[in-house]
N, C-alpha and C. Protein backbone atom coordinates (compact mmCIF):
# COMPACT_ATOMS: atom_id res chain seq x y z
N MET A 1 0.71 -1.06 0.03
CA MET A 1 -0.11 -0.26 0.03
C MET A 1 0.90 1.24 0.00
N ASP A 2 0.58 2.20 -0.67
CA ASP A 2 1.44 3.54 -0.97
C ASP A 2 0.87 4.41 0.28
N SER A 3 2.15 4.66 0.91
CA SER A 3 1.62 5.55 2.37
C SER A 3 1.35 6.85 2.13
N TYR A 4 1.55 7.37 0.65
CA TYR A 4 0.64 8.89 0.49
C TYR A 4 -0.76 8.51 0.53
N ASN A 5 -1.15 7.27 -0.05
CA ASN A 5 -2.81 6.96 -0.08
C ASN A 5 -3.25 6.60 1.08
N SER A 6 -2.56 6.39 2.16
CA SER A 6 -2.86 5.62 3.51
C SER A 6 -4.11 6.33 4.07
N SER A 7 -4.96 5.69 4.74
CA SER A 7 -6.28 6.60 5.26
C SER A 7 -5.93 7.34 6.63
N SER A 8 -4.50 7.24 7.11
CA SER A 8 -4.05 7.95 8.09
C SER A 8 -3.38 9.20 7.70
N THR A 9 -3.27 9.33 6.38
CA THR A 9 -2.34 10.61 5.73
C THR A 9 -3.22 11.82 5.86
N LYS A 10 -4.27 11.89 5.30
CA LYS A 10 -5.23 12.89 5.59
C LYS A 10 -5.44 13.45 7.00
N PRO A 11 -5.70 12.93 7.90
CA PRO A 11 -5.78 13.36 9.35
C PRO A 11 -4.57 13.93 9.78
N LEU A 12 -3.45 13.31 9.29
CA LEU A 12 -2.31 13.66 9.89
C LEU A 12 -1.79 15.03 9.11
N PHE A 13 -2.10 15.19 7.79
CA PHE A 13 -1.95 16.21 7.07
C PHE A 13 -2.86 17.57 7.90
N LYS A 14 -4.01 17.05 8.25
CA LYS A 14 -4.84 18.16 9.01
C LYS A 14 -4.37 18.77 10.31
N GLY A 15 -3.64 17.76 11.06
CA GLY A 15 -3.08 17.75 12.17
C GLY A 15 -1.74 18.84 11.91
N THR A 16 -1.18 18.77 11.18
CA THR A 16 0.03 19.49 10.93
C THR A 16 -0.31 20.80 10.09
N GLN A 17 -1.38 20.96 9.28
CA GLN A 17 -1.68 22.09 8.96
C GLN A 17 -2.61 23.06 10.33
N ILE A 18 -3.16 22.62 11.27
CA ILE A 18 -3.65 23.15 12.41
C ILE A 18 -2.40 23.66 13.31
N THR A 19 -1.48 22.73 13.31
CA THR A 19 -0.46 23.18 14.44
C THR A 19 0.17 24.41 13.70
N TRP A 20 0.56 24.25 12.37
CA TRP A 20 1.12 25.65 11.74
C TRP A 20 0.72 26.69 11.80
N TYR A 21 -0.86 26.78 11.83
CA TYR A 21 -1.73 27.68 11.66
C TYR A 21 -2.07 28.34 13.27
N ILE A 22 -1.90 27.38 14.32
CA ILE A 22 -1.78 27.81 15.76
C ILE A 22 -0.50 28.74 16.01
N LEU A 23 0.48 27.88 15.36
CA LEU A 23 1.95 28.65 15.79
C LEU A 23 1.98 29.97 14.95
N GLY A 24 1.43 30.16 13.70
CA GLY A 24 1.42 31.27 12.90
C GLY A 24 0.77 32.38 13.68
N PHE A 25 -0.44 32.08 14.22
CA PHE A 25 -1.31 33.01 15.12
C PHE A 25 -0.24 33.34 16.42
N ILE A 26 0.18 32.47 17.01
CA ILE A 26 1.03 32.90 18.23
C ILE A 26 2.06 33.78 18.06
N GLU A 27 3.06 33.32 16.94
CA GLU A 27 4.14 34.06 16.67
C GLU A 27 3.86 35.54 16.25
N VAL A 28 2.59 35.58 15.40
CA VAL A 28 2.35 37.05 14.94
C VAL A 28 1.85 37.76 16.02
N LEU A 29 0.95 37.32 16.87
CA LEU A 29 0.84 38.29 18.27
C LEU A 29 1.85 38.49 18.84
N LEU A 30 2.76 37.66 19.01
CA LEU A 30 4.10 37.94 19.66
C LEU A 30 4.98 38.99 19.00
N ALA A 31 4.96 38.57 17.81
CA ALA A 31 5.68 39.76 17.10
C ALA A 31 5.25 41.01 17.09
N PHE A 32 3.79 41.35 17.09
CA PHE A 32 3.29 42.62 17.23
C PHE A 32 3.57 43.11 18.66
N ARG A 33 3.63 42.10 19.46
CA ARG A 33 3.93 42.67 21.02
C ARG A 33 4.97 43.03 20.97
N PHE A 34 6.28 42.49 20.57
CA PHE A 34 7.68 42.80 20.61
C PHE A 34 7.90 44.33 19.80
N ALA A 35 7.29 44.21 18.85
CA ALA A 35 7.47 45.55 17.89
C ALA A 35 6.99 46.41 18.58
N MET A 36 5.79 46.57 19.26
CA MET A 36 5.07 47.63 19.91
C MET A 36 5.90 48.07 21.29
N LYS A 37 6.35 46.80 21.88
CA LYS A 37 7.11 47.42 23.12
C LYS A 37 8.32 48.13 22.78
N LEU A 38 9.00 47.55 21.43
CA LEU A 38 10.36 48.02 20.96
C LEU A 38 10.10 49.63 20.54
N LEU A 39 8.72 49.90 20.12
CA LEU A 39 8.69 51.22 19.43
C LEU A 39 7.99 52.06 20.44
N GLY A 40 7.78 51.54 21.70
CA GLY A 40 7.07 52.56 22.62
C GLY A 40 5.65 52.93 22.57
N ALA A 41 5.04 51.65 22.07
CA ALA A 41 3.68 52.10 21.67
C ALA A 41 3.04 52.52 23.11
N ASN A 42 1.87 53.23 22.87
CA ASN A 42 0.89 53.83 24.11
C ASN A 42 0.18 52.38 24.57
N PRO A 43 0.49 52.08 25.75
CA PRO A 43 -0.20 51.06 26.29
C PRO A 43 -1.59 51.36 26.58
N GLY A 44 -2.04 52.54 26.56
CA GLY A 44 -3.42 52.91 26.81
C GLY A 44 -4.30 52.78 25.65
N ALA A 45 -3.70 52.59 24.69
CA ALA A 45 -4.53 52.61 23.26
C ALA A 45 -5.08 51.22 23.16
N THR A 46 -6.28 51.02 22.70
CA THR A 46 -7.11 49.91 22.70
C THR A 46 -6.31 48.90 22.05
N PHE A 47 -5.89 49.06 20.79
CA PHE A 47 -5.10 48.14 20.29
C PHE A 47 -3.97 47.54 20.58
N THR A 48 -3.20 48.40 21.33
CA THR A 48 -2.08 48.07 22.17
C THR A 48 -2.39 47.21 23.35
N ASP A 49 -3.61 47.64 24.02
CA ASP A 49 -3.88 46.92 25.14
C ASP A 49 -4.27 45.57 24.88
N ILE A 50 -5.43 45.41 23.85
CA ILE A 50 -5.66 44.25 23.23
C ILE A 50 -4.58 43.08 22.91
N ILE A 51 -3.60 43.70 22.35
CA ILE A 51 -2.14 42.90 21.59
C ILE A 51 -1.53 42.37 23.33
N TYR A 52 -1.28 43.48 24.09
CA TYR A 52 -0.72 43.06 25.14
C TYR A 52 -1.52 41.83 26.04
N SER A 53 -2.71 42.07 26.08
CA SER A 53 -3.55 41.32 26.81
C SER A 53 -3.35 39.80 26.14
N LEU A 54 -3.86 39.77 24.97
CA LEU A 54 -3.83 38.46 24.19
C LEU A 54 -2.34 37.70 24.35
N SER A 55 -1.26 38.60 24.10
CA SER A 55 0.10 38.02 24.19
C SER A 55 0.61 37.89 25.38
N GLY A 56 0.09 38.27 26.53
CA GLY A 56 0.72 37.97 27.75
C GLY A 56 0.23 36.85 28.52
N VAL A 57 -0.44 35.99 27.62
CA VAL A 57 -0.96 34.67 28.28
C VAL A 57 0.49 33.76 27.63
N PHE A 58 0.83 34.20 26.37
CA PHE A 58 1.90 33.28 26.02
C PHE A 58 3.26 33.57 26.63
N VAL A 59 3.51 34.90 26.88
CA VAL A 59 4.59 35.20 27.46
C VAL A 59 4.89 34.92 28.97
N TYR A 60 3.59 34.86 29.75
CA TYR A 60 3.75 34.88 31.11
C TYR A 60 4.67 33.63 31.68
N PRO A 61 4.65 32.57 30.99
CA PRO A 61 5.59 31.47 31.56
C PRO A 61 7.19 31.90 31.68
N PHE A 62 7.61 33.07 30.77
CA PHE A 62 8.82 33.06 30.57
C PHE A 62 9.23 34.50 31.23
N ILE A 63 8.12 35.30 31.69
CA ILE A 63 8.28 36.35 32.03
C ILE A 63 9.58 37.16 33.00
N SER A 64 10.12 36.03 33.73
CA SER A 64 11.10 36.45 34.88
C SER A 64 12.33 35.85 34.31
N VAL A 65 12.53 35.20 33.25
CA VAL A 65 13.90 34.67 32.59
C VAL A 65 14.82 35.50 32.48
N PHE A 66 14.57 36.48 31.83
CA PHE A 66 15.29 37.63 31.17
C PHE A 66 14.66 38.85 31.77
N ARG A 67 15.77 39.61 32.20
CA ARG A 67 15.22 41.36 32.26
C ARG A 67 14.86 42.07 30.94
N THR A 68 14.10 42.94 31.03
CA THR A 68 13.92 43.76 29.75
C THR A 68 14.80 44.92 29.82
N THR A 69 15.08 45.30 28.68
CA THR A 69 16.33 46.21 28.13
C THR A 69 15.21 47.49 27.74
N ASN A 70 15.56 48.60 28.44
CA ASN A 70 14.70 50.03 28.41
C ASN A 70 15.77 50.97 28.00
N VAL A 71 15.35 51.62 26.74
CA VAL A 71 16.15 52.56 26.01
C VAL A 71 15.12 53.66 25.70
N SER A 72 15.20 54.89 26.33
CA SER A 72 14.36 55.74 25.90
C SER A 72 13.00 55.92 25.76
N GLY A 73 12.36 54.94 26.30
CA GLY A 73 10.99 54.72 26.18
C GLY A 73 10.63 53.46 25.33
N SER A 74 11.68 52.91 24.88
CA SER A 74 11.77 51.70 24.16
C SER A 74 12.01 50.52 24.99
N VAL A 75 11.27 49.26 24.64
CA VAL A 75 11.50 47.94 25.61
C VAL A 75 11.95 47.03 24.71
N PHE A 76 13.18 46.23 24.83
CA PHE A 76 13.59 45.30 23.99
C PHE A 76 13.26 44.13 25.01
N GLU A 77 11.99 43.51 24.82
CA GLU A 77 11.52 42.33 25.52
C GLU A 77 12.06 41.15 25.22
N TRP A 78 13.10 40.49 26.06
CA TRP A 78 13.93 39.27 25.54
C TRP A 78 12.74 38.05 25.85
N THR A 79 11.85 38.47 26.98
CA THR A 79 11.18 37.32 27.10
C THR A 79 10.22 36.74 25.95
N THR A 80 9.52 38.05 25.26
CA THR A 80 8.93 37.58 24.00
C THR A 80 9.76 36.81 22.83
N ILE A 81 11.01 37.09 22.83
CA ILE A 81 11.94 36.47 21.65
C ILE A 81 11.96 34.93 22.21
N LEU A 82 12.52 34.76 23.63
CA LEU A 82 12.44 33.40 24.10
C LEU A 82 10.98 32.83 23.80
N ALA A 83 9.95 33.28 24.18
CA ALA A 83 8.70 32.63 24.00
C ALA A 83 8.18 32.19 22.43
N MET A 84 8.85 33.30 21.42
CA MET A 84 8.80 32.91 20.11
C MET A 84 9.57 31.51 19.80
N PHE A 85 10.73 31.17 20.28
CA PHE A 85 11.40 30.31 20.06
C PHE A 85 10.96 29.04 20.52
N VAL A 86 10.61 29.05 22.06
CA VAL A 86 10.00 27.81 22.71
C VAL A 86 8.66 27.42 21.88
N TYR A 87 7.97 28.23 21.60
CA TYR A 87 6.69 27.78 20.94
C TYR A 87 6.75 27.05 19.46
N TRP A 88 7.84 27.82 18.76
CA TRP A 88 8.30 27.28 17.55
C TRP A 88 8.92 25.94 17.68
N VAL A 89 9.77 25.59 18.59
CA VAL A 89 10.15 24.31 19.05
C VAL A 89 9.17 23.63 19.34
N ILE A 90 8.18 23.82 20.33
CA ILE A 90 7.14 22.73 20.49
C ILE A 90 6.42 22.48 19.35
N ALA A 91 5.94 23.58 18.32
CA ALA A 91 5.33 22.90 17.34
C ALA A 91 6.04 22.14 16.21
N ILE A 92 7.52 22.48 15.98
CA ILE A 92 8.12 21.25 15.16
C ILE A 92 8.19 19.89 16.04
N GLY A 93 8.20 19.84 17.38
CA GLY A 93 8.04 18.65 17.95
C GLY A 93 6.67 17.90 17.70
N ILE A 94 5.59 18.70 17.86
CA ILE A 94 4.22 18.21 17.60
C ILE A 94 4.24 17.46 16.12
N ILE A 95 4.67 18.28 15.13
CA ILE A 95 4.53 17.96 13.83
C ILE A 95 5.60 16.70 13.65
N ARG A 96 6.54 16.78 14.19
CA ARG A 96 7.54 15.41 14.05
C ARG A 96 6.89 14.22 14.78
N ILE A 97 5.94 14.54 15.55
CA ILE A 97 5.05 13.33 16.14
C ILE A 97 4.00 12.90 15.39
N PHE A 98 3.38 13.77 14.64
CA PHE A 98 2.47 13.66 13.58
C PHE A 98 3.13 12.80 12.67
N LEU A 99 4.32 13.18 12.17
CA LEU A 99 4.83 12.35 11.16
C LEU A 99 5.44 11.07 11.52
N MET A 100 5.80 11.02 12.53
CA MET A 100 6.21 9.61 13.17
C MET A 100 5.14 8.59 13.08
N SER A 101 3.74 9.03 13.24
CA SER A 101 2.67 8.25 13.19
C SER A 101 2.33 7.66 11.79
N LYS A 102 2.73 8.52 10.80
CA LYS A 102 2.46 8.17 9.30
C LYS A 102 2.71 6.91 8.93
N THR A 103 1.72 6.09 8.00
CA THR A 103 2.13 4.58 7.89
C THR A 103 3.19 4.71 6.72
N VAL A 104 4.10 3.67 6.67
CA VAL A 104 5.11 3.67 5.86
C VAL A 104 5.08 2.27 5.26
N SER A 105 5.49 1.94 4.15
CA SER A 105 5.51 0.60 3.63
C SER A 105 6.89 -0.22 4.12
N THR A 106 6.79 -1.29 3.97
CA THR A 106 8.17 -2.07 4.49
C THR A 106 9.57 -1.69 3.58
N PRO A 107 9.39 -1.36 2.13
CA PRO A 107 10.39 -0.66 1.44
C PRO A 107 10.77 0.78 2.15
N GLU A 108 9.66 1.41 2.35
CA GLU A 108 10.30 2.81 2.72
C GLU A 108 10.82 2.70 4.14
N ALA A 109 10.42 1.98 4.75
CA ALA A 109 10.98 1.86 6.13
C ALA A 109 12.38 1.29 6.14
N ALA A 110 12.75 0.36 5.31
CA ALA A 110 14.06 -0.28 4.88
C ALA A 110 14.93 0.95 4.59
N VAL A 111 14.50 1.76 3.61
CA VAL A 111 15.37 2.93 3.01
C VAL A 111 15.74 3.81 4.05
N LYS A 112 14.69 4.16 4.85
CA LYS A 112 14.67 5.38 5.93
C LYS A 112 15.78 4.78 6.97
N MET A 113 15.68 3.40 7.36
CA MET A 113 16.61 2.78 8.22
C MET A 113 17.93 2.79 8.00
N GLU A 114 18.32 2.77 6.68
CA GLU A 114 19.61 2.62 6.05
C GLU A 114 19.93 3.98 6.01
N ASN A 115 19.37 4.99 5.91
CA ASN A 115 19.92 6.29 5.63
C ASN A 115 20.09 7.02 7.28
N GLN A 116 19.39 6.33 8.13
CA GLN A 116 19.77 6.50 9.54
C GLN A 116 21.26 6.15 10.25
N GLU A 117 21.61 5.14 9.55
CA GLU A 117 22.87 4.51 9.72
C GLU A 117 23.91 5.27 9.62
């Protein structure tokens, strides 16, 4: 049976798509946060407040890892960069798990095993 036509391929593809979509959403949100802090956005503005509130959930686990660097009203928030990296690594790990569960034929498995040696 061809592994590309396996009944497990489509759900795995959807799972990877969903993972990439969620990662993309989180990364864009964190990128907005980083840019707004760096450029000294007004925290009282509605848009800024929404971005900080939504992204705060994702930055919170990393909040005390690094100090922030303040220069003339601009903030270089190292924790946001760390959060972006960690969420990217987690997404790659999830996608690898999806790919490991993909059905492979015996010849495909043999070739992959040989390539690992």
